[in-house]
Amino acid sequence: MMKKVHLPVKTFINNLKLNTMSEFRLKHVVLYSKNWYKRDNIWKDLQILLDADGFNTMWKKEPPINDITRIIIEQCMKLEVRWILTYEFFDGIKDSNIWKNGYTTRTNYWSEDREKYPEYNVDEAAVRYCLSNLCCTEIAAFTEGLCKPNFDLLAKGSSVTDKKVEEVFGHLKN
């Protein structure tokens, strides 16, 4: 029979603070949001990039959509930015508003050819909302800074050149 171990309340709270207040780690995901990487399949792309950012998501053959969504939201909550606040977030991912962040669905597209768009998915809306807002967030908000893109993970974005990479990231070691 295993003996239960009870953590003192102070230790539990300190551990909770360490886990919730740790650094923002979505360095490659931010680069993806800013189009340094080519976008193909959002879920597979993010699975690869989250793994590169230190989150173990590659153990599943198919991208774990719920895990990817949770990781991205939890990490974005570490940023001190207005768009992740509860009201703004939930208003932003509503089907009637998410088209403003590049996610067009059958129910939010006002055209005759609605059938070519996907059904609304709350996970995809949340992730696309976060990516869209990460794209517009100034680099200064990322206290740990960013990393140099690794084009072995994903291909370069369509407007990315070697010269541009060197200009922006040349001072970084990795």
N, C-alpha and C. Protein backbone atom coordinates (compact mmCIF):
# COMPACT_ATOMS: atom_id res chain seq x y z
N MET A 1 0.84 -1.17 0.00
CA MET A 1 0.00 0.00 0.00
C MET A 1 0.89 1.25 0.00
N MET A 2 0.58 2.16 -0.94
CA MET A 2 1.39 3.36 -1.05
C MET A 2 0.98 4.38 0.00
N LYS A 3 1.96 5.05 0.51
CA LYS A 3 1.72 6.09 1.50
C LYS A 3 1.43 7.40 0.77
N LYS A 4 0.37 8.09 1.18
CA LYS A 4 0.04 9.38 0.58
C LYS A 4 1.00 10.44 1.09
N VAL A 5 1.44 11.27 0.17
CA VAL A 5 2.33 12.36 0.54
C VAL A 5 1.55 13.67 0.38
N HIS A 6 1.48 14.43 1.42
CA HIS A 6 0.77 15.71 1.38
C HIS A 6 1.79 16.84 1.38
N LEU A 7 1.68 17.69 0.38
CA LEU A 7 2.55 18.85 0.32
C LEU A 7 2.01 19.93 1.25
N PRO A 8 2.90 20.61 1.96
CA PRO A 8 2.42 21.75 2.74
C PRO A 8 1.80 22.78 1.79
N VAL A 9 0.83 23.52 2.28
CA VAL A 9 0.11 24.49 1.46
C VAL A 9 1.08 25.47 0.81
N LYS A 10 2.06 25.96 1.56
CA LYS A 10 3.01 26.92 1.03
C LYS A 10 3.78 26.33 -0.17
N THR A 11 4.22 25.07 -0.06
CA THR A 11 4.95 24.41 -1.15
C THR A 11 4.04 24.26 -2.36
N PHE A 12 2.79 23.86 -2.12
CA PHE A 12 1.84 23.70 -3.21
C PHE A 12 1.63 25.02 -3.95
N ILE A 13 1.45 26.11 -3.22
CA ILE A 13 1.23 27.41 -3.85
C ILE A 13 2.47 27.86 -4.62
N ASN A 14 3.66 27.64 -4.05
CA ASN A 14 4.89 28.00 -4.75
C ASN A 14 5.04 27.20 -6.04
N ASN A 15 4.73 25.91 -6.00
CA ASN A 15 4.79 25.08 -7.21
C ASN A 15 3.79 25.56 -8.24
N LEU A 16 2.60 25.93 -7.78
CA LEU A 16 1.58 26.44 -8.68
C LEU A 16 2.06 27.72 -9.35
N LYS A 17 2.66 28.62 -8.58
CA LYS A 17 3.20 29.87 -9.14
C LYS A 17 4.28 29.58 -10.16
N LEU A 18 5.16 28.63 -9.86
CA LEU A 18 6.22 28.29 -10.81
C LEU A 18 5.64 27.77 -12.11
N ASN A 19 4.63 26.94 -12.02
CA ASN A 19 4.04 26.35 -13.21
C ASN A 19 3.25 27.36 -14.03
N THR A 20 2.58 28.29 -13.36
CA THR A 20 1.75 29.23 -14.10
C THR A 20 2.50 30.48 -14.52
N MET A 21 3.57 30.82 -13.85
CA MET A 21 4.28 32.05 -14.13
C MET A 21 5.57 31.80 -14.92
N SER A 22 5.76 30.60 -15.40
CA SER A 22 6.98 30.32 -16.14
C SER A 22 6.98 31.09 -17.46
N GLU A 23 8.08 31.04 -18.12
CA GLU A 23 8.26 31.85 -19.33
C GLU A 23 7.34 31.43 -20.49
N PHE A 24 7.09 32.37 -21.34
CA PHE A 24 6.36 32.14 -22.58
C PHE A 24 7.29 31.37 -23.51
N ARG A 25 6.85 30.23 -24.02
CA ARG A 25 7.75 29.34 -24.76
C ARG A 25 7.39 29.14 -26.23
N LEU A 26 6.42 29.83 -26.75
CA LEU A 26 5.97 29.59 -28.12
C LEU A 26 6.81 30.35 -29.16
N LYS A 27 8.10 30.18 -29.13
CA LYS A 27 8.98 30.95 -30.00
C LYS A 27 8.77 30.62 -31.48
N HIS A 28 8.73 29.34 -31.83
CA HIS A 28 8.51 28.96 -33.23
C HIS A 28 7.06 29.22 -33.65
N VAL A 29 6.13 29.08 -32.71
CA VAL A 29 4.72 29.36 -33.02
C VAL A 29 4.54 30.84 -33.34
N VAL A 30 5.23 31.71 -32.62
CA VAL A 30 5.16 33.15 -32.91
C VAL A 30 5.71 33.40 -34.31
N LEU A 31 6.83 32.78 -34.66
CA LEU A 31 7.39 32.95 -36.00
C LEU A 31 6.39 32.47 -37.05
N TYR A 32 5.70 31.38 -36.78
CA TYR A 32 4.66 30.86 -37.67
C TYR A 32 3.55 31.89 -37.83
N SER A 33 3.14 32.51 -36.71
CA SER A 33 2.06 33.50 -36.77
C SER A 33 2.48 34.72 -37.59
N LYS A 34 3.78 35.01 -37.60
CA LYS A 34 4.30 36.17 -38.34
C LYS A 34 4.77 35.78 -39.74
N ASN A 35 4.36 34.60 -40.19
CA ASN A 35 4.59 34.09 -41.56
C ASN A 35 6.06 33.86 -41.93
N TRP A 36 6.89 33.58 -40.95
CA TRP A 36 8.27 33.18 -41.26
C TRP A 36 8.29 31.75 -41.80
N TYR A 37 7.30 30.96 -41.40
CA TYR A 37 7.15 29.59 -41.89
C TYR A 37 5.97 29.51 -42.84
N LYS A 38 6.08 28.63 -43.82
CA LYS A 38 4.99 28.38 -44.76
C LYS A 38 3.87 27.63 -44.02
N ARG A 39 2.66 28.03 -44.29
CA ARG A 39 1.51 27.36 -43.67
C ARG A 39 0.95 26.32 -44.62
N ASP A 40 0.72 25.14 -44.07
CA ASP A 40 0.16 24.05 -44.87
C ASP A 40 -1.07 23.52 -44.14
N ASN A 41 -0.89 22.58 -43.27
CA ASN A 41 -1.97 22.04 -42.44
C ASN A 41 -1.74 22.59 -41.03
N ILE A 42 -2.62 23.47 -40.59
CA ILE A 42 -2.40 24.18 -39.33
C ILE A 42 -2.11 23.25 -38.17
N TRP A 43 -2.81 22.12 -38.07
CA TRP A 43 -2.64 21.23 -36.92
C TRP A 43 -1.32 20.48 -36.99
N LYS A 44 -0.95 19.99 -38.15
CA LYS A 44 0.34 19.30 -38.29
C LYS A 44 1.50 20.28 -38.13
N ASP A 45 1.34 21.47 -38.70
CA ASP A 45 2.37 22.51 -38.56
C ASP A 45 2.60 22.83 -37.08
N LEU A 46 1.51 23.06 -36.37
CA LEU A 46 1.63 23.43 -34.95
C LEU A 46 2.15 22.28 -34.11
N GLN A 47 1.83 21.07 -34.46
CA GLN A 47 2.35 19.91 -33.74
C GLN A 47 3.88 19.89 -33.84
N ILE A 48 4.40 20.12 -35.03
CA ILE A 48 5.85 20.15 -35.25
C ILE A 48 6.49 21.31 -34.49
N LEU A 49 5.88 22.49 -34.59
CA LEU A 49 6.46 23.68 -33.96
C LEU A 49 6.38 23.63 -32.44
N LEU A 50 5.30 23.11 -31.90
CA LEU A 50 5.19 22.98 -30.45
C LEU A 50 6.23 22.00 -29.92
N ASP A 51 6.48 20.95 -30.67
CA ASP A 51 7.53 20.00 -30.28
C ASP A 51 8.89 20.72 -30.25
N ALA A 52 9.15 21.55 -31.26
CA ALA A 52 10.41 22.32 -31.30
C ALA A 52 10.48 23.33 -30.15
N ASP A 53 9.32 23.80 -29.69
CA ASP A 53 9.27 24.76 -28.58
C ASP A 53 9.31 24.06 -27.22
N GLY A 54 9.47 22.75 -27.21
CA GLY A 54 9.65 22.02 -25.96
C GLY A 54 8.42 21.34 -25.41
N PHE A 55 7.36 21.28 -26.18
CA PHE A 55 6.14 20.58 -25.75
C PHE A 55 6.10 19.24 -26.48
N ASN A 56 5.89 18.18 -25.75
CA ASN A 56 5.90 16.85 -26.36
C ASN A 56 4.55 16.56 -27.01
N THR A 57 4.44 16.86 -28.30
CA THR A 57 3.19 16.63 -29.03
C THR A 57 3.36 15.60 -30.13
N MET A 58 4.57 15.13 -30.35
CA MET A 58 4.83 14.24 -31.48
C MET A 58 4.53 12.77 -31.17
N TRP A 59 4.13 12.46 -29.97
CA TRP A 59 3.88 11.08 -29.62
C TRP A 59 2.62 10.53 -30.28
N LYS A 60 1.76 11.39 -30.77
CA LYS A 60 0.57 10.94 -31.48
C LYS A 60 0.79 11.09 -32.97
N LYS A 61 0.32 10.11 -33.72
CA LYS A 61 0.46 10.17 -35.18
C LYS A 61 -0.34 11.33 -35.75
N GLU A 62 -1.57 11.46 -35.30
CA GLU A 62 -2.42 12.57 -35.71
C GLU A 62 -2.26 13.70 -34.70
N PRO A 63 -2.24 14.93 -35.15
CA PRO A 63 -2.08 16.04 -34.21
C PRO A 63 -3.16 16.04 -33.13
N PRO A 64 -2.75 16.16 -31.86
CA PRO A 64 -3.73 16.20 -30.76
C PRO A 64 -4.34 17.60 -30.66
N ILE A 65 -5.43 17.81 -31.35
CA ILE A 65 -6.02 19.15 -31.49
C ILE A 65 -6.35 19.79 -30.14
N ASN A 66 -6.95 19.04 -29.23
CA ASN A 66 -7.29 19.60 -27.92
C ASN A 66 -6.04 20.02 -27.15
N ASP A 67 -4.99 19.19 -27.21
CA ASP A 67 -3.75 19.51 -26.52
C ASP A 67 -3.09 20.74 -27.14
N ILE A 68 -3.07 20.82 -28.44
CA ILE A 68 -2.48 21.96 -29.13
C ILE A 68 -3.22 23.25 -28.73
N THR A 69 -4.53 23.19 -28.73
CA THR A 69 -5.33 24.35 -28.36
C THR A 69 -5.05 24.77 -26.92
N ARG A 70 -5.04 23.82 -26.03
CA ARG A 70 -4.80 24.11 -24.60
C ARG A 70 -3.42 24.73 -24.40
N ILE A 71 -2.40 24.16 -25.01
CA ILE A 71 -1.03 24.68 -24.86
C ILE A 71 -0.96 26.12 -25.35
N ILE A 72 -1.51 26.37 -26.52
CA ILE A 72 -1.41 27.71 -27.09
C ILE A 72 -2.16 28.74 -26.23
N ILE A 73 -3.36 28.40 -25.76
CA ILE A 73 -4.11 29.33 -24.91
C ILE A 73 -3.36 29.55 -23.59
N GLU A 74 -2.88 28.48 -22.95
CA GLU A 74 -2.17 28.62 -21.68
C GLU A 74 -0.92 29.48 -21.84
N GLN A 75 -0.20 29.28 -22.93
CA GLN A 75 1.00 30.08 -23.15
C GLN A 75 0.65 31.55 -23.42
N CYS A 76 -0.37 31.79 -24.20
CA CYS A 76 -0.77 33.17 -24.51
C CYS A 76 -1.24 33.91 -23.26
N MET A 77 -1.79 33.18 -22.31
CA MET A 77 -2.24 33.80 -21.06
C MET A 77 -1.06 34.34 -20.26
N LYS A 78 0.15 33.89 -20.55
CA LYS A 78 1.34 34.37 -19.85
C LYS A 78 1.79 35.74 -20.36
N LEU A 79 1.29 36.13 -21.51
CA LEU A 79 1.63 37.43 -22.06
C LEU A 79 0.74 38.49 -21.42
N GLU A 80 1.29 39.63 -21.20
CA GLU A 80 0.48 40.72 -20.64
C GLU A 80 -0.08 41.54 -21.79
N VAL A 81 -1.06 40.95 -22.46
CA VAL A 81 -1.69 41.61 -23.60
C VAL A 81 -3.20 41.56 -23.41
N ARG A 82 -3.85 42.55 -23.94
CA ARG A 82 -5.30 42.71 -23.73
C ARG A 82 -6.12 41.62 -24.43
N TRP A 83 -5.70 41.18 -25.60
CA TRP A 83 -6.53 40.29 -26.41
C TRP A 83 -6.76 38.91 -25.81
N ILE A 84 -5.99 38.52 -24.81
CA ILE A 84 -6.20 37.20 -24.21
C ILE A 84 -7.13 37.28 -22.99
N LEU A 85 -7.53 38.49 -22.58
CA LEU A 85 -8.45 38.63 -21.46
C LEU A 85 -9.75 37.88 -21.78
N THR A 86 -10.39 37.37 -20.77
CA THR A 86 -11.54 36.50 -20.94
C THR A 86 -12.60 37.05 -21.88
N TYR A 87 -13.09 38.26 -21.64
CA TYR A 87 -14.16 38.79 -22.49
C TYR A 87 -13.69 38.94 -23.93
N GLU A 88 -12.54 39.56 -24.12
CA GLU A 88 -12.03 39.78 -25.48
C GLU A 88 -11.82 38.45 -26.20
N PHE A 89 -11.27 37.49 -25.49
CA PHE A 89 -11.01 36.19 -26.08
C PHE A 89 -12.31 35.52 -26.54
N PHE A 90 -13.27 35.42 -25.64
CA PHE A 90 -14.52 34.74 -25.99
C PHE A 90 -15.32 35.50 -27.05
N ASP A 91 -15.25 36.80 -27.03
CA ASP A 91 -15.90 37.58 -28.07
C ASP A 91 -15.18 37.37 -29.41
N GLY A 92 -13.86 37.30 -29.36
CA GLY A 92 -13.07 37.15 -30.58
C GLY A 92 -13.22 35.81 -31.27
N ILE A 93 -13.51 34.75 -30.50
CA ILE A 93 -13.63 33.43 -31.14
C ILE A 93 -15.07 33.07 -31.51
N LYS A 94 -16.00 33.96 -31.25
CA LYS A 94 -17.38 33.70 -31.66
C LYS A 94 -17.43 33.53 -33.17
N ASP A 95 -18.32 32.68 -33.60
CA ASP A 95 -18.46 32.42 -35.03
C ASP A 95 -18.77 33.69 -35.81
N SER A 96 -19.47 34.61 -35.18
CA SER A 96 -19.82 35.86 -35.87
C SER A 96 -18.66 36.84 -35.97
N ASN A 97 -17.57 36.61 -35.21
CA ASN A 97 -16.43 37.53 -35.20
C ASN A 97 -15.13 36.93 -35.73
N ILE A 98 -15.00 35.64 -35.73
CA ILE A 98 -13.70 35.02 -36.01
C ILE A 98 -13.23 35.24 -37.44
N TRP A 99 -14.12 35.57 -38.35
CA TRP A 99 -13.69 35.85 -39.72
C TRP A 99 -12.71 37.02 -39.76
N LYS A 100 -12.78 37.90 -38.76
CA LYS A 100 -11.86 39.04 -38.69
C LYS A 100 -10.42 38.59 -38.45
N ASN A 101 -10.26 37.36 -37.97
CA ASN A 101 -8.94 36.81 -37.70
C ASN A 101 -8.56 35.73 -38.72
N GLY A 102 -9.22 35.75 -39.87
CA GLY A 102 -8.84 34.88 -40.97
C GLY A 102 -9.44 33.49 -40.96
N TYR A 103 -10.42 33.24 -40.12
CA TYR A 103 -11.04 31.92 -40.08
C TYR A 103 -12.46 32.04 -40.62
N THR A 104 -12.61 31.65 -41.88
CA THR A 104 -13.91 31.73 -42.54
C THR A 104 -14.59 30.36 -42.49
N THR A 105 -15.84 30.34 -42.02
CA THR A 105 -16.59 29.08 -41.93
C THR A 105 -17.91 29.22 -42.69
N ARG A 106 -18.63 28.12 -42.79
CA ARG A 106 -19.92 28.13 -43.50
C ARG A 106 -20.91 29.10 -42.88
N THR A 107 -20.84 29.21 -41.57
CA THR A 107 -21.85 30.02 -40.89
C THR A 107 -21.46 31.48 -40.72
N ASN A 108 -20.22 31.84 -41.03
CA ASN A 108 -19.86 33.26 -40.90
C ASN A 108 -19.47 33.89 -42.23
N TYR A 109 -19.68 33.18 -43.30
CA TYR A 109 -19.34 33.71 -44.61
C TYR A 109 -20.63 34.09 -45.33
N TRP A 110 -20.71 35.32 -45.80
CA TRP A 110 -21.94 35.83 -46.39
C TRP A 110 -21.84 35.80 -47.91
N SER A 111 -21.88 34.59 -48.46
CA SER A 111 -21.76 34.43 -49.90
C SER A 111 -22.58 33.23 -50.34
N GLU A 112 -22.75 33.10 -51.61
CA GLU A 112 -23.52 31.98 -52.14
C GLU A 112 -22.75 30.66 -52.08
N ASP A 113 -21.42 30.70 -52.03
CA ASP A 113 -20.63 29.47 -52.06
C ASP A 113 -20.16 29.04 -50.66
N ARG A 114 -21.05 29.07 -49.69
CA ARG A 114 -20.74 28.71 -48.31
C ARG A 114 -20.22 27.28 -48.17
N GLU A 115 -20.70 26.39 -48.99
CA GLU A 115 -20.40 24.97 -48.84
C GLU A 115 -18.91 24.65 -48.99
N LYS A 116 -18.14 25.53 -49.60
CA LYS A 116 -16.71 25.25 -49.76
C LYS A 116 -15.92 25.53 -48.48
N TYR A 117 -16.55 26.14 -47.47
CA TYR A 117 -15.88 26.45 -46.22
C TYR A 117 -16.21 25.40 -45.16
N PRO A 118 -15.31 25.22 -44.18
CA PRO A 118 -15.56 24.21 -43.13
C PRO A 118 -16.61 24.66 -42.14
N GLU A 119 -17.13 23.70 -41.39
CA GLU A 119 -18.01 24.01 -40.26
C GLU A 119 -17.18 24.70 -39.18
N TYR A 120 -17.81 25.53 -38.39
CA TYR A 120 -17.13 26.20 -37.29
C TYR A 120 -16.61 25.18 -36.29
N ASN A 121 -15.37 25.36 -35.83
CA ASN A 121 -14.76 24.49 -34.83
C ASN A 121 -14.14 25.40 -33.77
N VAL A 122 -14.55 25.24 -32.52
CA VAL A 122 -14.09 26.13 -31.46
C VAL A 122 -12.59 26.03 -31.24
N ASP A 123 -12.00 24.85 -31.37
CA ASP A 123 -10.55 24.71 -31.21
C ASP A 123 -9.81 25.50 -32.29
N GLU A 124 -10.26 25.35 -33.52
CA GLU A 124 -9.61 26.07 -34.61
C GLU A 124 -9.82 27.58 -34.47
N ALA A 125 -11.00 27.98 -34.04
CA ALA A 125 -11.25 29.41 -33.83
C ALA A 125 -10.32 29.97 -32.77
N ALA A 126 -10.15 29.25 -31.66
CA ALA A 126 -9.28 29.72 -30.58
C ALA A 126 -7.83 29.82 -31.04
N VAL A 127 -7.35 28.81 -31.75
CA VAL A 127 -5.96 28.81 -32.21
C VAL A 127 -5.74 29.91 -33.24
N ARG A 128 -6.65 30.03 -34.19
CA ARG A 128 -6.49 31.08 -35.20
C ARG A 128 -6.59 32.48 -34.59
N TYR A 129 -7.43 32.65 -33.60
CA TYR A 129 -7.52 33.92 -32.90
C TYR A 129 -6.17 34.24 -32.23
N CYS A 130 -5.61 33.26 -31.54
CA CYS A 130 -4.31 33.47 -30.88
C CYS A 130 -3.21 33.75 -31.90
N LEU A 131 -3.16 32.99 -32.99
CA LEU A 131 -2.13 33.22 -34.01
C LEU A 131 -2.25 34.60 -34.62
N SER A 132 -3.47 35.00 -34.93
CA SER A 132 -3.69 36.32 -35.53
C SER A 132 -3.23 37.43 -34.59
N ASN A 133 -3.51 37.27 -33.32
CA ASN A 133 -3.11 38.29 -32.36
C ASN A 133 -1.63 38.22 -32.01
N LEU A 134 -1.04 37.02 -32.01
CA LEU A 134 0.41 36.91 -31.83
C LEU A 134 1.14 37.63 -32.96
N CYS A 135 0.59 37.51 -34.15
CA CYS A 135 1.18 38.15 -35.32
C CYS A 135 1.26 39.66 -35.12
N CYS A 136 0.26 40.23 -34.50
CA CYS A 136 0.19 41.69 -34.32
C CYS A 136 0.86 42.17 -33.03
N THR A 137 1.28 41.24 -32.19
CA THR A 137 1.89 41.59 -30.92
C THR A 137 3.36 41.97 -31.13
N GLU A 138 3.78 43.08 -30.55
CA GLU A 138 5.15 43.54 -30.70
C GLU A 138 6.13 42.56 -30.07
N ILE A 139 7.30 42.46 -30.66
CA ILE A 139 8.34 41.56 -30.18
C ILE A 139 8.67 41.84 -28.71
N ALA A 140 8.58 43.08 -28.28
CA ALA A 140 8.91 43.45 -26.90
C ALA A 140 8.03 42.72 -25.88
N ALA A 141 6.85 42.26 -26.29
CA ALA A 141 5.95 41.55 -25.36
C ALA A 141 6.50 40.17 -25.02
N PHE A 142 7.37 39.65 -25.85
CA PHE A 142 7.96 38.33 -25.61
C PHE A 142 9.25 38.54 -24.83
N THR A 143 9.14 38.48 -23.51
CA THR A 143 10.24 38.87 -22.64
C THR A 143 11.51 38.06 -22.89
N GLU A 144 11.38 36.84 -23.29
CA GLU A 144 12.54 36.00 -23.54
C GLU A 144 13.05 36.17 -24.97
N GLY A 145 12.37 36.98 -25.76
CA GLY A 145 12.78 37.16 -27.15
C GLY A 145 12.37 35.97 -28.00
N LEU A 146 12.75 36.02 -29.24
CA LEU A 146 12.41 34.94 -30.16
C LEU A 146 13.67 34.18 -30.56
N CYS A 147 13.48 33.11 -31.28
CA CYS A 147 14.59 32.32 -31.78
C CYS A 147 14.71 32.52 -33.29
N LYS A 148 15.77 32.04 -33.84
CA LYS A 148 15.97 32.08 -35.28
C LYS A 148 15.10 30.98 -35.89
N PRO A 149 14.44 31.24 -37.02
CA PRO A 149 13.62 30.19 -37.64
C PRO A 149 14.47 28.98 -38.03
N ASN A 150 13.90 27.81 -37.88
CA ASN A 150 14.57 26.57 -38.27
C ASN A 150 13.80 25.99 -39.45
N PHE A 151 14.33 26.19 -40.64
CA PHE A 151 13.62 25.76 -41.84
C PHE A 151 13.76 24.27 -42.12
N ASP A 152 14.37 23.55 -41.19
CA ASP A 152 14.32 22.08 -41.24
C ASP A 152 12.98 21.60 -40.68
N LEU A 153 12.32 22.44 -39.88
CA LEU A 153 11.02 22.10 -39.30
C LEU A 153 9.92 22.27 -40.33
N LEU A 154 9.82 23.48 -40.87
CA LEU A 154 8.85 23.83 -41.90
C LEU A 154 9.55 24.71 -42.93
N ALA A 155 9.00 24.74 -44.13
CA ALA A 155 9.58 25.56 -45.19
C ALA A 155 9.42 27.04 -44.88
N LYS A 156 10.21 27.85 -45.57
CA LYS A 156 10.13 29.31 -45.42
C LYS A 156 8.78 29.81 -45.91
N GLY A 157 8.32 30.88 -45.27
CA GLY A 157 7.12 31.56 -45.74
C GLY A 157 7.38 32.14 -47.12
N SER A 158 6.33 32.44 -47.86
CA SER A 158 6.46 32.84 -49.26
C SER A 158 7.27 34.13 -49.46
N SER A 159 7.27 35.03 -48.51
CA SER A 159 8.01 36.29 -48.69
C SER A 159 9.34 36.31 -47.92
N VAL A 160 9.75 35.17 -47.39
CA VAL A 160 10.97 35.10 -46.59
C VAL A 160 12.17 34.80 -47.49
N THR A 161 13.21 35.61 -47.35
CA THR A 161 14.45 35.40 -48.10
C THR A 161 15.59 35.17 -47.11
N ASP A 162 16.68 34.59 -47.58
CA ASP A 162 17.85 34.38 -46.73
C ASP A 162 18.37 35.71 -46.20
N LYS A 163 18.34 36.72 -47.05
CA LYS A 163 18.80 38.05 -46.66
C LYS A 163 17.97 38.59 -45.51
N LYS A 164 16.65 38.45 -45.60
CA LYS A 164 15.75 38.94 -44.55
C LYS A 164 15.99 38.19 -43.24
N VAL A 165 16.19 36.88 -43.32
CA VAL A 165 16.47 36.08 -42.12
C VAL A 165 17.74 36.59 -41.46
N GLU A 166 18.76 36.84 -42.25
CA GLU A 166 20.04 37.32 -41.70
C GLU A 166 19.90 38.71 -41.08
N GLU A 167 19.15 39.59 -41.73
CA GLU A 167 18.94 40.94 -41.21
C GLU A 167 18.23 40.92 -39.85
N VAL A 168 17.21 40.09 -39.75
CA VAL A 168 16.39 40.08 -38.54
C VAL A 168 16.98 39.20 -37.44
N PHE A 169 17.53 38.04 -37.82
CA PHE A 169 17.94 37.06 -36.82
C PHE A 169 19.45 36.79 -36.78
N GLY A 170 20.22 37.51 -37.59
CA GLY A 170 21.66 37.25 -37.69
C GLY A 170 22.40 37.32 -36.38
N HIS A 171 21.92 38.12 -35.44
CA HIS A 171 22.58 38.28 -34.15
C HIS A 171 22.33 37.10 -33.20
N LEU A 172 21.38 36.24 -33.53
CA LEU A 172 21.05 35.11 -32.67
C LEU A 172 21.93 33.92 -32.99
N LYS A 173 22.25 33.13 -31.99
CA LYS A 173 23.12 31.96 -32.18
C LYS A 173 22.37 30.76 -32.77
N ASN A 174 21.14 30.53 -32.32
CA ASN A 174 20.43 29.34 -32.82
C ASN A 174 19.35 29.72 -33.76
